[in-house]
């Protein structure tokens, strides 16, 4: 089932998400719905707060980026209660976008390599080192679980330059090609 993507300004995007308990109802169906929603919106990652749920769950399928970023080939994950336990000192700045901020793109610096611990949808524990663009996607999605969005990582001047677009998203007048839920809509 395709879920609506909650857009910038929705309070759930600013809340710190809660741990997912092992008995969370219909978790596998939710993971499937989140992948379907992400694919429908042409995204490579989606966090639960972006579908209105303040829980520590995210899905990623970066395989589509594999031609440009080999580390993304076959990188498909559902991550429950992810925790980035290490970040490289080396950072790389690249342009990012977000399904919750349609039309907004900015350069963001992120660690080039991370180590992340998480449970998959079968409650199997993983401890994985991820680098390059795949690491960027994991960091971006994990930020959503902390109540942050990528625009928080840019300078005040860059945020100011995006103010019109951000206000348009909040008002519900921004255009996007997927099912979305703006503030008050």
Protein backbone atom coordinates (compact mmCIF):
# COMPACT_ATOMS: atom_id res chain seq x y z
CA UNK A 1 0.00 0.00 0.00
CA UNK A 2 1.30 3.45 -0.92
CA UNK A 3 1.38 5.69 2.14
CA UNK A 4 1.37 9.50 2.03
CA UNK A 5 4.78 11.12 2.51
CA UNK A 6 4.65 13.70 5.29
CA UNK A 7 6.09 17.00 4.09
CA UNK A 8 8.27 19.61 5.77
CA UNK A 9 6.36 21.38 8.53
CA UNK A 10 4.63 18.24 9.79
CA UNK A 11 5.35 17.96 13.56
CA UNK A 12 6.23 14.23 13.32
CA UNK A 13 9.35 15.16 11.32
CA UNK A 14 10.68 17.11 14.32
CA UNK A 15 10.11 14.47 17.00
CA UNK A 16 12.76 12.08 18.20
CA UNK A 17 11.48 8.64 17.19
CA UNK A 18 10.94 5.84 19.69
CA UNK A 19 12.52 2.38 19.65
CA UNK A 20 10.51 -0.26 17.80
CA UNK A 21 9.48 -3.08 20.17
CA UNK A 22 9.79 -6.65 18.96
CA UNK A 23 6.02 -7.11 19.13
CA UNK A 24 5.25 -4.05 16.97
CA UNK A 25 2.01 -4.94 15.13
CA UNK A 26 2.25 -5.77 11.41
CA UNK A 27 5.90 -4.67 11.19
CA UNK A 28 6.69 -6.71 8.06
CA UNK A 29 3.66 -5.24 6.29
CA UNK A 30 4.78 -1.74 7.31
CA UNK A 31 8.26 -2.42 5.88
CA UNK A 32 6.67 -3.59 2.61
CA UNK A 33 4.42 -0.50 2.51
CA UNK A 34 7.40 1.78 3.14
CA UNK A 35 9.38 0.20 0.29
CA UNK A 36 6.32 0.55 -2.00
CA UNK A 37 5.90 4.20 -0.97
CA UNK A 38 9.59 4.93 -1.53
CA UNK A 39 9.60 3.29 -4.98
CA UNK A 40 6.40 5.12 -5.95
CA UNK A 41 8.09 8.44 -5.12
CA UNK A 42 11.39 7.50 -6.85
CA UNK A 43 13.29 7.70 -3.58
CA UNK A 44 16.29 5.70 -2.37
CA UNK A 45 15.45 5.92 1.34
CA UNK A 46 12.47 6.51 3.59
CA UNK A 47 12.21 6.81 7.37
CA UNK A 48 9.07 6.01 9.38
CA UNK A 49 8.53 9.65 10.49
CA UNK A 50 8.16 10.47 6.78
CA UNK A 51 5.01 8.30 6.75
CA UNK A 52 3.73 9.77 10.01
CA UNK A 53 5.13 7.17 12.44
CA UNK A 54 7.52 8.29 15.15
CA UNK A 55 9.39 4.98 15.35
CA UNK A 56 13.03 4.05 14.63
CA UNK A 57 12.53 2.30 11.30
CA UNK A 58 13.88 3.10 7.86
CA UNK A 59 14.13 1.46 4.46
CA UNK A 60 16.80 1.97 1.79
CA UNK A 61 17.24 0.68 -1.72
CA UNK A 62 20.18 2.51 -3.29
CA UNK A 63 20.72 -0.06 -6.07
CA UNK A 64 19.47 2.44 -8.68
CA UNK A 65 22.57 4.56 -7.85
CA UNK A 66 24.89 1.58 -8.47
CA UNK A 67 26.15 2.71 -11.88
CA UNK A 68 27.55 5.93 -10.41
CA UNK A 69 28.32 4.58 -6.93
CA UNK A 70 29.39 0.89 -6.95
CA UNK A 71 28.92 0.64 -3.17
CA UNK A 72 25.18 1.07 -3.78
CA UNK A 73 24.86 -2.02 -6.01
CA UNK A 74 22.48 -4.37 -4.19
CA UNK A 75 22.31 -2.07 -1.13
CA UNK A 76 18.75 -2.76 0.02
CA UNK A 77 18.01 -2.70 3.75
CA UNK A 78 15.25 -2.38 6.28
CA UNK A 79 16.83 -1.03 9.47
CA UNK A 80 15.03 -1.28 12.79
CA UNK A 81 16.42 0.74 15.71
CA UNK A 82 19.57 1.75 13.79
CA UNK A 83 22.45 3.29 15.69
CA UNK A 84 25.45 4.87 13.97
CA UNK A 85 28.27 3.90 16.36
CA UNK A 86 31.24 5.25 14.37
CA UNK A 87 31.80 7.97 11.77
CA UNK A 88 34.95 8.64 9.79
CA UNK A 89 36.64 11.99 10.27
CA UNK A 90 36.72 12.42 6.50
CA UNK A 91 33.61 14.13 5.22
CA UNK A 92 32.33 14.57 1.70
CA UNK A 93 29.96 17.32 0.56
CA UNK A 94 27.31 16.32 -2.00
CA UNK A 95 23.93 17.58 -3.06
CA UNK A 96 20.98 15.96 -1.31
CA UNK A 97 17.24 16.05 -1.64
CA UNK A 98 14.44 14.55 0.43
CA UNK A 99 10.96 13.25 -0.30
CA UNK A 100 9.68 15.39 2.59
CA UNK A 101 11.20 18.53 1.02
CA UNK A 102 10.17 18.36 -2.65
CA UNK A 103 12.12 20.73 -4.89
CA UNK A 104 14.79 21.52 -2.28
CA UNK A 105 18.38 20.41 -2.98
CA UNK A 106 21.50 21.50 -1.11
CA UNK A 107 25.08 20.37 -0.57
CA UNK A 108 25.52 18.58 2.76
CA UNK A 109 28.76 17.34 4.33
CA UNK A 110 28.60 13.84 5.78
CA UNK A 111 31.06 11.23 7.03
CA UNK A 112 32.44 9.20 4.13
CA UNK A 113 32.30 5.97 6.16
CA UNK A 114 30.14 4.85 9.08
CA UNK A 115 29.54 1.80 11.23
CA UNK A 116 25.88 1.12 11.95
CA UNK A 117 24.17 -1.45 14.17
CA UNK A 118 20.56 -2.38 13.52
CA UNK A 119 18.00 -5.17 13.40
CA UNK A 120 16.50 -6.25 10.09
CA UNK A 121 12.81 -7.04 9.54
CA UNK A 122 13.41 -10.60 10.82
CA UNK A 123 14.99 -9.25 14.02
CA UNK A 124 18.46 -10.42 12.97
CA UNK A 125 21.15 -8.16 14.40
CA UNK A 126 23.62 -6.48 12.02
CA UNK A 127 26.85 -4.57 12.63
CA UNK A 128 27.89 -3.13 9.28
CA UNK A 129 30.51 -0.75 7.91
CA UNK A 130 29.06 1.35 5.10
CA UNK A 131 30.91 3.85 2.93
CA UNK A 132 30.46 6.30 0.09
CA UNK A 133 27.02 7.22 -1.15
CA UNK A 134 25.39 4.33 0.73
CA UNK A 135 26.77 5.79 3.99
CA UNK A 136 25.28 9.18 3.02
CA UNK A 137 21.83 7.63 2.54
CA UNK A 138 21.99 5.81 5.91
CA UNK A 139 23.05 9.03 7.69
CA UNK A 140 20.31 11.05 5.97
CA UNK A 141 17.61 8.55 6.96
CA UNK A 142 18.93 8.15 10.52
CA UNK A 143 18.70 11.93 10.94
CA UNK A 144 14.96 11.67 10.40
CA UNK A 145 14.80 9.41 13.46
CA UNK A 146 16.39 12.18 15.53
CA UNK A 147 13.84 14.78 14.40
CA UNK A 148 16.14 16.46 11.87
CA UNK A 149 15.98 17.06 8.12
CA UNK A 150 18.90 17.66 5.78
CA UNK A 151 18.21 21.39 5.44
CA UNK A 152 19.22 21.70 9.13
CA UNK A 153 22.80 20.94 8.00
CA UNK A 154 23.22 23.89 5.66
CA UNK A 155 24.27 27.45 6.47
CA UNK A 156 21.75 30.06 7.59
CA UNK A 157 22.18 31.88 4.28
CA UNK A 158 21.40 28.72 2.28
CA UNK A 159 18.31 28.10 4.45
CA UNK A 160 17.25 31.70 3.86
CA UNK A 161 17.66 31.24 0.10
CA UNK A 162 15.30 28.23 0.33
CA UNK A 163 12.74 30.01 2.51
CA UNK A 164 10.28 30.50 -0.36
CA UNK A 165 10.38 26.80 -1.27
CA UNK A 166 10.07 25.76 2.39
CA UNK A 167 7.09 28.07 2.92
CA UNK A 168 5.48 26.67 -0.23
CA UNK A 169 5.86 23.13 1.18
CA UNK A 170 4.36 24.19 4.53
CA UNK A 171 1.41 25.89 2.78
CA UNK A 172 0.78 22.78 0.70
CA UNK A 173 1.40 24.55 -2.61
CA UNK A 174 4.67 22.78 -3.48
CA UNK A 175 4.36 20.35 -6.37
CA UNK A 176 5.32 16.72 -6.01
CA UNK A 177 4.49 13.69 -8.13
CA UNK A 178 3.65 11.33 -5.26
CA UNK A 179 1.04 11.07 -2.55
CA UNK A 180 1.93 13.60 0.14
CA UNK A 181 0.54 15.07 3.33
CA UNK A 182 1.26 18.75 3.92
CA UNK A 183 0.59 20.60 7.15
CA UNK A 184 -3.14 21.06 7.71
CA UNK A 185 -4.05 18.86 4.73
